[in-house]
Amino acid sequence: MDGEVSFLQLSTLDGNDYRIGYPNFYVITRYNHSTYYAMAVYELGQAIRERRQGSGR
């Protein structure tokens, strides 16, 4: 991996979830400092990408 990364620990109902945050993750947290907000933005983006790829566009 090139560049700076952040290691994230998120508390979930099932215990802790560990993730790696790349520079774009940091950019999202400049708008809203919550790592949960940034993860929601990331997961929404992934869901949109998957749906678009599945629609044949």
C-alpha atoms as a PDB file:
ATOM      1  CA  MET A   1       0.000   0.000   0.000  1.00  0.00           C
ATOM      2  CA  ASP A   2       1.260   3.422  -0.921  1.00  0.00           C
ATOM      3  CA  GLY A   3       0.350   6.460   1.134  1.00  0.00           C
ATOM      4  CA  GLU A   4      -0.952   7.020   4.604  1.00  0.00           C
ATOM      5  CA  VAL A   5      -3.637   4.780   6.105  1.00  0.00           C
ATOM      6  CA  SER A   6      -5.618   4.854   9.344  1.00  0.00           C
ATOM      7  CA  PHE A   7      -6.632   1.832  11.365  1.00  0.00           C
ATOM      8  CA  LEU A   8     -10.208   2.096  12.627  1.00  0.00           C
ATOM      9  CA  GLN A   9     -12.026   0.270  15.395  1.00  0.00           C
ATOM     10  CA  LEU A  10     -15.813   0.570  15.244  1.00  0.00           C
ATOM     11  CA  SER A  11     -18.085  -0.779  17.975  1.00  0.00           C
ATOM     12  CA  THR A  12     -20.998  -2.847  16.657  1.00  0.00           C
ATOM     13  CA  LEU A  13     -23.720  -4.935  18.227  1.00  0.00           C
ATOM     14  CA  ASP A  14     -21.631  -8.032  17.438  1.00  0.00           C
ATOM     15  CA  GLY A  15     -18.405  -6.636  18.914  1.00  0.00           C
ATOM     16  CA  ASN A  16     -15.676  -4.594  17.293  1.00  0.00           C
ATOM     17  CA  ASP A  17     -15.220  -4.163  13.558  1.00  0.00           C
ATOM     18  CA  TYR A  18     -11.751  -3.258  12.303  1.00  0.00           C
ATOM     19  CA  ARG A  19     -11.173  -1.373   9.049  1.00  0.00           C
ATOM     20  CA  ILE A  20      -8.418   0.424   7.192  1.00  0.00           C
ATOM     21  CA  GLY A  21      -9.103   4.017   6.186  1.00  0.00           C
ATOM     22  CA  TYR A  22      -7.415   5.505   3.127  1.00  0.00           C
ATOM     23  CA  PRO A  23      -6.954   9.243   2.452  1.00  0.00           C
ATOM     24  CA  ASN A  24     -10.497   9.612   1.043  1.00  0.00           C
ATOM     25  CA  PHE A  25     -11.852   8.358   4.369  1.00  0.00           C
ATOM     26  CA  TYR A  26      -9.981  11.168   6.109  1.00  0.00           C
ATOM     27  CA  VAL A  27     -11.440  13.697   3.644  1.00  0.00           C
ATOM     28  CA  ILE A  28     -14.969  12.579   4.576  1.00  0.00           C
ATOM     29  CA  THR A  29     -14.189  12.993   8.286  1.00  0.00           C
ATOM     30  CA  ARG A  30     -13.076  16.583   7.699  1.00  0.00           C
ATOM     31  CA  TYR A  31     -16.730  17.368   6.940  1.00  0.00           C
ATOM     32  CA  ASN A  32     -18.094  15.350   9.864  1.00  0.00           C
ATOM     33  CA  HIS A  33     -15.624  13.978  12.429  1.00  0.00           C
ATOM     34  CA  SER A  34     -17.620  10.821  13.138  1.00  0.00           C
ATOM     35  CA  THR A  35     -16.043   7.626  11.803  1.00  0.00           C
ATOM     36  CA  TYR A  36     -19.553   6.147  11.796  1.00  0.00           C
ATOM     37  CA  TYR A  37     -20.694   8.899   9.426  1.00  0.00           C
ATOM     38  CA  ALA A  38     -17.721   8.272   7.146  1.00  0.00           C
ATOM     39  CA  MET A  39     -18.430   4.518   7.127  1.00  0.00           C
ATOM     40  CA  ALA A  40     -22.072   5.196   6.243  1.00  0.00           C
ATOM     41  CA  VAL A  41     -20.959   7.383   3.306  1.00  0.00           C
ATOM     42  CA  TYR A  42     -18.541   4.668   2.160  1.00  0.00           C
ATOM     43  CA  GLU A  43     -21.105   1.863   2.460  1.00  0.00           C
ATOM     44  CA  LEU A  44     -23.741   3.920   0.622  1.00  0.00           C
ATOM     45  CA  GLY A  45     -21.257   4.515  -2.190  1.00  0.00           C
ATOM     46  CA  GLN A  46     -20.508   0.791  -2.393  1.00  0.00           C
ATOM     47  CA  ALA A  47     -24.233  -0.056  -2.516  1.00  0.00           C
ATOM     48  CA  ILE A  48     -24.785   2.469  -5.320  1.00  0.00           C
ATOM     49  CA  ARG A  49     -21.826   1.064  -7.264  1.00  0.00           C
ATOM     50  CA  GLU A  50     -23.089  -2.512  -6.892  1.00  0.00           C
ATOM     51  CA  ARG A  51     -26.605  -1.546  -7.955  1.00  0.00           C
ATOM     52  CA  ARG A  52     -25.363   0.385 -11.008  1.00  0.00           C
ATOM     53  CA  GLN A  53     -23.129  -2.493 -12.083  1.00  0.00           C
ATOM     54  CA  GLY A  54     -26.005  -4.919 -11.698  1.00  0.00           C
ATOM     55  CA  SER A  55     -28.342  -2.775 -13.813  1.00  0.00           C
ATOM     56  CA  GLY A  56     -26.165  -3.141 -16.928  1.00  0.00           C
ATOM     57  CA  ARG A  57     -25.349   0.570 -17.265  1.00  0.00           C
END
